[in-house]
C-alpha atoms as a PDB file:
ATOM      1  CA  MET A   1       9.472   1.766  -9.080  1.00  0.00           C
ATOM      2  CA  ALA A   2       9.484   5.603  -7.810  1.00  0.00           C
ATOM      3  CA  THR A   3      12.715   7.332  -8.752  1.00  0.00           C
ATOM      4  CA  LYS A   4      14.835   8.264  -5.970  1.00  0.00           C
ATOM      5  CA  ALA A   5      14.058  12.004  -6.105  1.00  0.00           C
ATOM      6  CA  VAL A   6      10.534  11.387  -5.826  1.00  0.00           C
ATOM      7  CA  VAL A   7      10.833   9.429  -2.722  1.00  0.00           C
ATOM      8  CA  ALA A   8      13.399  11.997  -1.088  1.00  0.00           C
ATOM      9  CA  ARG A   9      10.858  14.720  -1.940  1.00  0.00           C
ATOM     10  CA  ASN A  10       8.197  13.034  -0.116  1.00  0.00           C
ATOM     11  CA  GLU A  11      10.775  12.350   3.046  1.00  0.00           C
ATOM     12  CA  LYS A  12      11.621  15.975   3.083  1.00  0.00           C
ATOM     13  CA  ARG A  13       7.853  16.836   3.141  1.00  0.00           C
ATOM     14  CA  LYS A  14       7.309  14.526   5.961  1.00  0.00           C
ATOM     15  CA  ARG A  15      10.192  15.973   8.059  1.00  0.00           C
ATOM     16  CA  LEU A  16       8.864  19.824   7.192  1.00  0.00           C
ATOM     17  CA  ALA A  17       5.598  18.551   8.357  1.00  0.00           C
ATOM     18  CA  ASP A  18       6.520  17.277  11.411  1.00  0.00           C
ATOM     19  CA  LYS A  19       8.736  20.170  12.361  1.00  0.00           C
ATOM     20  CA  TYR A  20       5.958  22.818  11.837  1.00  0.00           C
ATOM     21  CA  ALA A  21       2.946  20.715  13.238  1.00  0.00           C
ATOM     22  CA  ALA A  22       3.158  22.566  16.321  1.00  0.00           C
ATOM     23  CA  LYS A  23       3.602  25.985  14.776  1.00  0.00           C
ATOM     24  CA  ARG A  24       0.708  25.461  12.849  1.00  0.00           C
ATOM     25  CA  GLU A  25      -1.626  23.977  15.198  1.00  0.00           C
ATOM     26  CA  GLU A  26      -0.750  27.253  17.345  1.00  0.00           C
ATOM     27  CA  LEU A  27      -1.476  29.787  14.316  1.00  0.00           C
ATOM     28  CA  LYS A  28      -4.620  28.057  13.451  1.00  0.00           C
ATOM     29  CA  ALA A  29      -5.974  28.197  17.196  1.00  0.00           C
ATOM     30  CA  MET A  30      -5.311  31.913  16.938  1.00  0.00           C
ATOM     31  CA  GLY A  31      -6.730  32.392  13.580  1.00  0.00           C
ATOM     32  CA  ASP A  32      -3.685  33.808  12.118  1.00  0.00           C
ATOM     33  CA  TYR A  33      -4.078  32.724   8.478  1.00  0.00           C
ATOM     34  CA  MET A  34      -1.546  35.188   7.106  1.00  0.00           C
ATOM     35  CA  GLY A  35       1.292  33.732   9.449  1.00  0.00           C
ATOM     36  CA  LEU A  36       0.001  29.869   8.320  1.00  0.00           C
ATOM     37  CA  GLN A  37       0.526  31.402   4.664  1.00  0.00           C
ATOM     38  CA  LYS A  38       4.047  32.540   5.565  1.00  0.00           C
ATOM     39  CA  LEU A  39       4.922  28.838   6.307  1.00  0.00           C
ATOM     40  CA  PRO A  40       6.861  26.728   4.057  1.00  0.00           C
ATOM     41  CA  ARG A  41       4.279  25.168   1.498  1.00  0.00           C
ATOM     42  CA  ASN A  42       5.974  21.858   1.893  1.00  0.00           C
ATOM     43  CA  SER A  43       5.061  21.903   5.702  1.00  0.00           C
ATOM     44  CA  ALA A  44       1.370  21.261   5.161  1.00  0.00           C
ATOM     45  CA  PRO A  45       0.400  17.588   6.127  1.00  0.00           C
ATOM     46  CA  THR A  46      -1.823  17.320   2.978  1.00  0.00           C
ATOM     47  CA  ARG A  47       1.294  17.356   0.824  1.00  0.00           C
ATOM     48  CA  VAL A  48       2.609  14.304   1.953  1.00  0.00           C
ATOM     49  CA  ARG A  49       1.810  11.238  -0.215  1.00  0.00           C
ATOM     50  CA  ILE A  50       1.580   7.739   1.174  1.00  0.00           C
ATOM     51  CA  ARG A  51       4.082   5.570  -0.519  1.00  0.00           C
ATOM     52  CA  CYS A  52       5.147   2.052  -0.646  1.00  0.00           C
ATOM     53  CA  SER A  53       8.220   1.416   1.800  1.00  0.00           C
ATOM     54  CA  VAL A  54       9.555  -1.137  -0.458  1.00  0.00           C
ATOM     55  CA  THR A  55       9.098   0.374  -3.996  1.00  0.00           C
ATOM     56  CA  GLY A  56       8.218   4.064  -3.415  1.00  0.00           C
ATOM     57  CA  ARG A  57       5.019   3.491  -5.466  1.00  0.00           C
ATOM     58  CA  GLY A  58       2.377   6.111  -4.856  1.00  0.00           C
ATOM     59  CA  ARG A  59      -0.789   4.434  -5.795  1.00  0.00           C
ATOM     60  CA  GLY A  60      -2.832   1.441  -4.327  1.00  0.00           C
ATOM     61  CA  ASN A  61      -1.101   1.472  -0.787  1.00  0.00           C
ATOM     62  CA  PHE A  62      -2.230  -0.128   2.170  1.00  0.00           C
ATOM     63  CA  ARG A  63      -1.845   2.014   5.253  1.00  0.00           C
ATOM     64  CA  LYS A  64      -1.742  -0.640   7.924  1.00  0.00           C
ATOM     65  CA  PHE A  65       1.373  -2.399   6.042  1.00  0.00           C
ATOM     66  CA  GLY A  66       3.234   0.497   4.274  1.00  0.00           C
ATOM     67  CA  LEU A  67       2.977  -1.709   1.027  1.00  0.00           C
ATOM     68  CA  CYS A  68       1.678  -1.136  -2.208  1.00  0.00           C
ATOM     69  CA  ARG A  69      -0.728  -3.905  -3.452  1.00  0.00           C
ATOM     70  CA  ASN A  70       1.673  -5.465  -5.911  1.00  0.00           C
ATOM     71  CA  MET A  71       4.267  -5.733  -3.043  1.00  0.00           C
ATOM     72  CA  PHE A  72       1.781  -6.815  -0.378  1.00  0.00           C
ATOM     73  CA  ARG A  73       0.360  -9.598  -2.638  1.00  0.00           C
ATOM     74  CA  GLN A  74       4.180 -10.759  -3.257  1.00  0.00           C
ATOM     75  CA  MET A  75       5.135 -10.702   0.439  1.00  0.00           C
ATOM     76  CA  ALA A  76       1.976 -12.401   1.665  1.00  0.00           C
ATOM     77  CA  LEU A  77       2.272 -15.221  -0.850  1.00  0.00           C
ATOM     78  CA  GLU A  78       5.914 -15.711   0.472  1.00  0.00           C
ATOM     79  CA  GLY A  79       4.724 -15.695   3.944  1.00  0.00           C
ATOM     80  CA  LYS A  80       6.722 -12.556   5.307  1.00  0.00           C
ATOM     81  CA  ILE A  81       3.487 -10.640   6.435  1.00  0.00           C
ATOM     82  CA  PRO A  82       2.454 -12.352   9.942  1.00  0.00           C
ATOM     83  CA  GLY A  83      -1.218 -13.194   9.995  1.00  0.00           C
ATOM     84  CA  VAL A  84      -1.862 -13.002   6.243  1.00  0.00           C
ATOM     85  CA  ARG A  85      -2.662 -15.918   4.086  1.00  0.00           C
ATOM     86  CA  LYS A  86      -4.370 -16.411   0.662  1.00  0.00           C
ATOM     87  CA  ALA A  87      -7.837 -16.935   1.020  1.00  0.00           C
ATOM     88  CA  SER A  88      -9.496 -20.255  -0.295  1.00  0.00           C
ATOM     89  CA  TRP A  89     -13.182 -21.454   0.058  1.00  0.00           C
END
């Protein structure tokens, strides 16, 4: 599990990216790259990490479900994810 501080930092980055999205698009359209550099570094959407919604794990995530591979497998076997079941042939 990721520490609470790492998850909180990522949530802060999400908030900043949403807050400055319109301004960032406006500056890009005008070609004002100096203005873009003056925005907070964490307001860039590329700095947001996709993390598991249960554990906060940063690697091996399925975007569609918002879960890491470990939690996805566990929840799928328990039947907690609708439409997903273990393959057998």
